[in-house]
C-alpha atoms as a PDB file:
ATOM      1  CA  MET A   1       0.000   0.000   0.000  1.00  0.00           C
ATOM      2  CA  THR A   2       1.082   3.494  -0.566  1.00  0.00           C
ATOM      3  CA  GLU A   3       1.996   5.713   2.291  1.00  0.00           C
ATOM      4  CA  LYS A   4      -0.952   8.085   1.702  1.00  0.00           C
ATOM      5  CA  LEU A   5      -3.423   5.212   1.786  1.00  0.00           C
ATOM      6  CA  LYS A   6      -1.964   3.937   5.052  1.00  0.00           C
ATOM      7  CA  ILE A   7      -2.279   7.378   6.571  1.00  0.00           C
ATOM      8  CA  LEU A   8      -5.882   7.668   5.358  1.00  0.00           C
ATOM      9  CA  LEU A   9      -6.851   4.259   6.759  1.00  0.00           C
ATOM     10  CA  ASN A  10      -5.253   5.032  10.109  1.00  0.00           C
ATOM     11  CA  SER A  11      -6.987   8.395  10.324  1.00  0.00           C
ATOM     12  CA  PRO A  12      -9.454   8.790  13.207  1.00  0.00           C
ATOM     13  CA  TYR A  13     -11.916  10.413  10.726  1.00  0.00           C
ATOM     14  CA  ILE A  14     -12.180   7.505   8.285  1.00  0.00           C
ATOM     15  CA  LEU A  15     -14.994   5.649  10.115  1.00  0.00           C
ATOM     16  CA  PRO A  16     -17.194   8.720  10.603  1.00  0.00           C
ATOM     17  CA  ILE A  17     -16.665   9.679   6.936  1.00  0.00           C
ATOM     18  CA  LEU A  18     -17.549   6.166   5.734  1.00  0.00           C
ATOM     19  CA  ALA A  19     -20.560   6.099   8.044  1.00  0.00           C
ATOM     20  CA  LEU A  20     -21.708   9.464   6.678  1.00  0.00           C
ATOM     21  CA  ILE A  21     -21.308   8.266   3.087  1.00  0.00           C
ATOM     22  CA  CYS A  22     -23.304   5.110   3.894  1.00  0.00           C
ATOM     23  CA  LEU A  23     -25.992   7.189   5.591  1.00  0.00           C
ATOM     24  CA  ILE A  24     -26.233   9.508   2.575  1.00  0.00           C
ATOM     25  CA  LEU A  25     -26.501   6.529   0.215  1.00  0.00           C
ATOM     26  CA  ILE A  26     -29.202   4.932   2.365  1.00  0.00           C
ATOM     27  CA  LEU A  27     -31.149   8.219   2.462  1.00  0.00           C
ATOM     28  CA  LEU A  28     -30.877   8.548  -1.321  1.00  0.00           C
ATOM     29  CA  LEU A  29     -32.091   4.980  -1.712  1.00  0.00           C
ATOM     30  CA  ILE A  30     -35.064   5.664   0.587  1.00  0.00           C
ATOM     31  CA  ILE A  31     -35.921   8.859  -1.305  1.00  0.00           C
ATOM     32  CA  GLN A  32     -35.798   7.016  -4.633  1.00  0.00           C
ATOM     33  CA  ARG A  33     -38.010   4.257  -3.245  1.00  0.00           C
ATOM     34  CA  ILE A  34     -40.564   6.810  -2.009  1.00  0.00           C
ATOM     35  CA  ARG A  35     -40.557   8.560  -5.407  1.00  0.00           C
ATOM     36  CA  PHE A  36     -40.978   5.220  -7.168  1.00  0.00           C
ATOM     37  CA  ASP A  37     -43.877   4.215  -4.911  1.00  0.00           C
ATOM     38  CA  MET A  38     -45.551   7.600  -5.433  1.00  0.00           C
ATOM     39  CA  ARG A  39     -45.158   7.301  -9.216  1.00  0.00           C
ATOM     40  CA  ILE A  40     -46.631   3.795  -9.227  1.00  0.00           C
ATOM     41  CA  LYS A  41     -49.560   4.950  -7.080  1.00  0.00           C
ATOM     42  CA  LYS A  42     -50.182   7.896  -9.424  1.00  0.00           C
ATOM     43  CA  GLU A  43     -50.029   5.662 -12.520  1.00  0.00           C
ATOM     44  CA  ARG A  44     -52.416   3.157 -10.957  1.00  0.00           C
ATOM     45  CA  GLN A  45     -54.882   5.914 -10.071  1.00  0.00           C
ATOM     46  CA  ASP A  46     -54.624   7.263 -13.619  1.00  0.00           C
ATOM     47  CA  ALA A  47     -55.366   3.781 -14.991  1.00  0.00           C
ATOM     48  CA  VAL A  48     -58.372   3.452 -12.676  1.00  0.00           C
ATOM     49  CA  ASN A  49     -59.662   6.877 -13.759  1.00  0.00           C
ATOM     50  CA  ARG A  50     -59.289   6.013 -17.444  1.00  0.00           C
ATOM     51  CA  SER A  51     -60.993   2.681 -16.901  1.00  0.00           C
ATOM     52  CA  ARG A  52     -63.894   4.383 -15.134  1.00  0.00           C
ATOM     53  CA  ALA A  53     -64.219   6.852 -18.005  1.00  0.00           C
ATOM     54  CA  VAL A  54     -64.319   4.024 -20.544  1.00  0.00           C
ATOM     55  CA  ILE A  55     -66.919   2.104 -18.535  1.00  0.00           C
ATOM     56  CA  ALA A  56     -69.029   5.236 -18.107  1.00  0.00           C
ATOM     57  CA  GLY A  57     -68.798   5.878 -21.848  1.00  0.00           C
ATOM     58  CA  GLN A  58     -69.851   2.319 -22.663  1.00  0.00           C
ATOM     59  CA  MET A  59     -72.788   2.548 -20.267  1.00  0.00           C
ATOM     60  CA  THR A  60     -73.825   5.858 -21.803  1.00  0.00           C
ATOM     61  CA  GLU A  61     -73.655   4.311 -25.278  1.00  0.00           C
ATOM     62  CA  GLN A  62     -76.057   1.580 -24.209  1.00  0.00           C
ATOM     63  CA  VAL A  63     -78.614   3.892 -22.598  1.00  0.00           C
ATOM     64  CA  ALA A  64     -78.167   6.828 -24.990  1.00  0.00           C
ATOM     65  CA  PRO A  65     -81.324   6.093 -27.017  1.00  0.00           C
ATOM     66  CA  PHE A  66     -83.376   6.543 -23.845  1.00  0.00           C
ATOM     67  CA  LEU A  67     -81.778   9.835 -22.824  1.00  0.00           C
ATOM     68  CA  LYS A  68     -83.228  13.264 -23.486  1.00  0.00           C
ATOM     69  CA  ASP A  69     -82.390  14.782 -26.894  1.00  0.00           C
ATOM     70  CA  PHE A  70     -81.468  11.486 -28.603  1.00  0.00           C
ATOM     71  CA  PRO A  71     -82.013  12.285 -32.288  1.00  0.00           C
ATOM     72  CA  CYS A  72     -84.715   9.656 -32.901  1.00  0.00           C
ATOM     73  CA  ASN A  73     -87.136   7.181 -31.350  1.00  0.00           C
ATOM     74  CA  PRO A  74     -85.123   4.490 -29.482  1.00  0.00           C
ATOM     75  CA  ALA A  75     -87.104   1.792 -31.301  1.00  0.00           C
ATOM     76  CA  ASP A  76     -85.705   3.111 -34.597  1.00  0.00           C
ATOM     77  CA  ALA A  77     -82.066   2.779 -33.481  1.00  0.00           C
ATOM     78  CA  ARG A  78     -79.830  -0.300 -33.653  1.00  0.00           C
ATOM     79  CA  PHE A  79     -76.578  -0.574 -31.728  1.00  0.00           C
ATOM     80  CA  ILE A  80     -73.551  -1.406 -33.908  1.00  0.00           C
ATOM     81  CA  GLY A  81     -70.620  -0.352 -31.710  1.00  0.00           C
ATOM     82  CA  LYS A  82     -67.897  -0.005 -34.345  1.00  0.00           C
ATOM     83  CA  PRO A  83     -67.156   2.095 -36.353  1.00  0.00           C
ATOM     84  CA  VAL A  84     -70.241   4.045 -35.213  1.00  0.00           C
ATOM     85  CA  ASP A  85     -72.429   3.387 -32.196  1.00  0.00           C
ATOM     86  CA  PHE A  86     -75.873   3.345 -33.790  1.00  0.00           C
ATOM     87  CA  ILE A  87     -77.619   3.233 -37.108  1.00  0.00           C
ATOM     88  CA  ALA A  88     -81.136   4.632 -36.963  1.00  0.00           C
ATOM     89  CA  PHE A  89     -84.136   4.792 -39.268  1.00  0.00           C
ATOM     90  CA  PRO A  90     -86.386   7.591 -37.956  1.00  0.00           C
ATOM     91  CA  GLY A  91     -90.050   6.991 -38.725  1.00  0.00           C
ATOM     92  CA  LEU A  92     -89.723   3.268 -39.405  1.00  0.00           C
ATOM     93  CA  MET A  93     -91.421   2.091 -36.210  1.00  0.00           C
ATOM     94  CA  GLU A  94     -94.111   4.787 -36.230  1.00  0.00           C
ATOM     95  CA  ASN A  95     -95.411   4.519 -39.776  1.00  0.00           C
ATOM     96  CA  ASN A  96     -93.051   2.184 -41.690  1.00  0.00           C
ATOM     97  CA  GLU A  97     -91.695   5.183 -43.594  1.00  0.00           C
ATOM     98  CA  VAL A  98     -87.998   5.961 -43.200  1.00  0.00           C
ATOM     99  CA  LYS A  99     -87.484   9.730 -43.114  1.00  0.00           C
ATOM    100  CA  GLU A 100     -83.709   9.409 -43.209  1.00  0.00           C
ATOM    101  CA  VAL A 101     -80.884   7.094 -42.185  1.00  0.00           C
ATOM    102  CA  LEU A 102     -78.732   8.258 -39.277  1.00  0.00           C
ATOM    103  CA  LEU A 103     -75.287   7.095 -38.221  1.00  0.00           C
ATOM    104  CA  ILE A 104     -74.993   8.122 -34.584  1.00  0.00           C
ATOM    105  CA  GLU A 105     -71.769   8.329 -32.575  1.00  0.00           C
ATOM    106  CA  VAL A 106     -72.157   8.813 -28.819  1.00  0.00           C
ATOM    107  CA  LYS A 107     -69.367  10.758 -27.086  1.00  0.00           C
ATOM    108  CA  THR A 108     -68.975  11.533 -23.405  1.00  0.00           C
ATOM    109  CA  GLY A 109     -66.651  13.813 -21.472  1.00  0.00           C
ATOM    110  CA  THR A 110     -63.722  15.033 -23.529  1.00  0.00           C
ATOM    111  CA  SER A 111     -63.631  12.089 -25.931  1.00  0.00           C
ATOM    112  CA  THR A 112     -63.268  12.910 -29.616  1.00  0.00           C
ATOM    113  CA  LEU A 113     -63.845  11.071 -32.881  1.00  0.00           C
ATOM    114  CA  SER A 114     -61.274   8.438 -33.795  1.00  0.00           C
ATOM    115  CA  ASN A 115     -59.689   8.517 -37.255  1.00  0.00           C
ATOM    116  CA  ARG A 116     -62.034   5.738 -38.412  1.00  0.00           C
ATOM    117  CA  GLU A 117     -65.065   7.612 -37.112  1.00  0.00           C
ATOM    118  CA  LYS A 118     -63.884  10.747 -38.930  1.00  0.00           C
ATOM    119  CA  GLU A 119     -63.543   8.733 -42.146  1.00  0.00           C
ATOM    120  CA  VAL A 120     -67.121   7.436 -41.803  1.00  0.00           C
ATOM    121  CA  ARG A 121     -68.388  10.969 -41.189  1.00  0.00           C
ATOM    122  CA  LYS A 122     -66.454  12.221 -44.229  1.00  0.00           C
ATOM    123  CA  ALA A 123     -67.877   9.465 -46.453  1.00  0.00           C
ATOM    124  CA  VAL A 124     -71.423  10.345 -45.367  1.00  0.00           C
ATOM    125  CA  GLU A 125     -70.850  14.087 -45.836  1.00  0.00           C
ATOM    126  CA  GLN A 126     -69.474  13.457 -49.334  1.00  0.00           C
ATOM    127  CA  GLY A 127     -72.429  11.244 -50.256  1.00  0.00           C
ATOM    128  CA  ARG A 128     -70.347   8.082 -50.562  1.00  0.00           C
ATOM    129  CA  VAL A 129     -73.175   5.955 -49.150  1.00  0.00           C
ATOM    130  CA  ARG A 130     -74.967   3.175 -51.046  1.00  0.00           C
ATOM    131  CA  TYR A 131     -77.640   0.593 -50.394  1.00  0.00           C
ATOM    132  CA  ILE A 132     -76.682  -2.889 -51.528  1.00  0.00           C
ATOM    133  CA  GLU A 133     -78.897  -5.939 -51.547  1.00  0.00           C
ATOM    134  CA  TYR A 134     -76.668  -8.983 -51.187  1.00  0.00           C
ATOM    135  CA  ASN A 135     -77.954 -12.449 -52.034  1.00  0.00           C
ATOM    136  CA  PRO A 136     -75.231 -15.088 -51.750  1.00  0.00           C
ATOM    137  CA  GLN A 137     -75.548 -18.070 -54.072  1.00  0.00           C
ATOM    138  CA  GLN A 138     -76.321 -21.467 -52.564  1.00  0.00           C
ATOM    139  CA  ILE A 139     -73.174 -23.584 -52.307  1.00  0.00           C
END
Protein backbone atom coordinates (compact mmCIF):
# COMPACT_ATOMS: atom_id res chain seq x y z
CA MET A 1 0.00 0.00 0.00
CA THR A 2 1.08 3.49 -0.57
CA GLU A 3 2.00 5.71 2.29
CA LYS A 4 -0.95 8.09 1.70
CA LEU A 5 -3.42 5.21 1.79
CA LYS A 6 -1.96 3.94 5.05
CA ILE A 7 -2.28 7.38 6.57
CA LEU A 8 -5.88 7.67 5.36
CA LEU A 9 -6.85 4.26 6.76
CA ASN A 10 -5.25 5.03 10.11
CA SER A 11 -6.99 8.39 10.32
CA PRO A 12 -9.45 8.79 13.21
CA TYR A 13 -11.92 10.41 10.73
CA ILE A 14 -12.18 7.50 8.28
CA LEU A 15 -14.99 5.65 10.11
CA PRO A 16 -17.19 8.72 10.60
CA ILE A 17 -16.66 9.68 6.94
CA LEU A 18 -17.55 6.17 5.73
CA ALA A 19 -20.56 6.10 8.04
CA LEU A 20 -21.71 9.46 6.68
CA ILE A 21 -21.31 8.27 3.09
CA CYS A 22 -23.30 5.11 3.89
CA LEU A 23 -25.99 7.19 5.59
CA ILE A 24 -26.23 9.51 2.58
CA LEU A 25 -26.50 6.53 0.21
CA ILE A 26 -29.20 4.93 2.37
CA LEU A 27 -31.15 8.22 2.46
CA LEU A 28 -30.88 8.55 -1.32
CA LEU A 29 -32.09 4.98 -1.71
CA ILE A 30 -35.06 5.66 0.59
CA ILE A 31 -35.92 8.86 -1.30
CA GLN A 32 -35.80 7.02 -4.63
CA ARG A 33 -38.01 4.26 -3.24
CA ILE A 34 -40.56 6.81 -2.01
CA ARG A 35 -40.56 8.56 -5.41
CA PHE A 36 -40.98 5.22 -7.17
CA ASP A 37 -43.88 4.21 -4.91
CA MET A 38 -45.55 7.60 -5.43
CA ARG A 39 -45.16 7.30 -9.22
CA ILE A 40 -46.63 3.79 -9.23
CA LYS A 41 -49.56 4.95 -7.08
CA LYS A 42 -50.18 7.90 -9.42
CA GLU A 43 -50.03 5.66 -12.52
CA ARG A 44 -52.42 3.16 -10.96
CA GLN A 45 -54.88 5.91 -10.07
CA ASP A 46 -54.62 7.26 -13.62
CA ALA A 47 -55.37 3.78 -14.99
CA VAL A 48 -58.37 3.45 -12.68
CA ASN A 49 -59.66 6.88 -13.76
CA ARG A 50 -59.29 6.01 -17.44
CA SER A 51 -60.99 2.68 -16.90
CA ARG A 52 -63.89 4.38 -15.13
CA ALA A 53 -64.22 6.85 -18.01
CA VAL A 54 -64.32 4.02 -20.54
CA ILE A 55 -66.92 2.10 -18.54
CA ALA A 56 -69.03 5.24 -18.11
CA GLY A 57 -68.80 5.88 -21.85
CA GLN A 58 -69.85 2.32 -22.66
CA MET A 59 -72.79 2.55 -20.27
CA THR A 60 -73.83 5.86 -21.80
CA GLU A 61 -73.66 4.31 -25.28
CA GLN A 62 -76.06 1.58 -24.21
CA VAL A 63 -78.61 3.89 -22.60
CA ALA A 64 -78.17 6.83 -24.99
CA PRO A 65 -81.32 6.09 -27.02
CA PHE A 66 -83.38 6.54 -23.85
CA LEU A 67 -81.78 9.84 -22.82
CA LYS A 68 -83.23 13.26 -23.49
CA ASP A 69 -82.39 14.78 -26.89
CA PHE A 70 -81.47 11.49 -28.60
CA PRO A 71 -82.01 12.28 -32.29
CA CYS A 72 -84.71 9.66 -32.90
CA ASN A 73 -87.14 7.18 -31.35
CA PRO A 74 -85.12 4.49 -29.48
CA ALA A 75 -87.10 1.79 -31.30
CA ASP A 76 -85.71 3.11 -34.60
CA ALA A 77 -82.07 2.78 -33.48
CA ARG A 78 -79.83 -0.30 -33.65
CA PHE A 79 -76.58 -0.57 -31.73
CA ILE A 80 -73.55 -1.41 -33.91
CA GLY A 81 -70.62 -0.35 -31.71
CA LYS A 82 -67.90 0.00 -34.34
CA PRO A 83 -67.16 2.10 -36.35
CA VAL A 84 -70.24 4.04 -35.21
CA ASP A 85 -72.43 3.39 -32.20
CA PHE A 86 -75.87 3.35 -33.79
CA ILE A 87 -77.62 3.23 -37.11
CA ALA A 88 -81.14 4.63 -36.96
CA PHE A 89 -84.14 4.79 -39.27
CA PRO A 90 -86.39 7.59 -37.96
CA GLY A 91 -90.05 6.99 -38.73
CA LEU A 92 -89.72 3.27 -39.41
CA MET A 93 -91.42 2.09 -36.21
CA GLU A 94 -94.11 4.79 -36.23
CA ASN A 95 -95.41 4.52 -39.78
CA ASN A 96 -93.05 2.18 -41.69
CA GLU A 97 -91.70 5.18 -43.59
CA VAL A 98 -88.00 5.96 -43.20
CA LYS A 99 -87.48 9.73 -43.11
CA GLU A 100 -83.71 9.41 -43.21
CA VAL A 101 -80.88 7.09 -42.18
CA LEU A 102 -78.73 8.26 -39.28
CA LEU A 103 -75.29 7.09 -38.22
CA ILE A 104 -74.99 8.12 -34.58
CA GLU A 105 -71.77 8.33 -32.57
CA VAL A 106 -72.16 8.81 -28.82
CA LYS A 107 -69.37 10.76 -27.09
CA THR A 108 -68.97 11.53 -23.40
CA GLY A 109 -66.65 13.81 -21.47
CA THR A 110 -63.72 15.03 -23.53
CA SER A 111 -63.63 12.09 -25.93
CA THR A 112 -63.27 12.91 -29.62
CA LEU A 113 -63.84 11.07 -32.88
CA SER A 114 -61.27 8.44 -33.80
CA ASN A 115 -59.69 8.52 -37.26
CA ARG A 116 -62.03 5.74 -38.41
CA GLU A 117 -65.07 7.61 -37.11
CA LYS A 118 -63.88 10.75 -38.93
CA GLU A 119 -63.54 8.73 -42.15
CA VAL A 120 -67.12 7.44 -41.80
CA ARG A 121 -68.39 10.97 -41.19
CA LYS A 122 -66.45 12.22 -44.23
CA ALA A 123 -67.88 9.46 -46.45
CA VAL A 124 -71.42 10.34 -45.37
CA GLU A 125 -70.85 14.09 -45.84
CA GLN A 126 -69.47 13.46 -49.33
CA GLY A 127 -72.43 11.24 -50.26
CA ARG A 128 -70.35 8.08 -50.56
CA VAL A 129 -73.17 5.96 -49.15
CA ARG A 130 -74.97 3.18 -51.05
CA TYR A 131 -77.64 0.59 -50.39
CA ILE A 132 -76.68 -2.89 -51.53
CA GLU A 133 -78.90 -5.94 -51.55
CA TYR A 134 -76.67 -8.98 -51.19
CA ASN A 135 -77.95 -12.45 -52.03
CA PRO A 136 -75.23 -15.09 -51.75
CA GLN A 137 -75.55 -18.07 -54.07
CA GLN A 138 -76.32 -21.47 -52.56
CA ILE A 139 -73.17 -23.58 -52.31
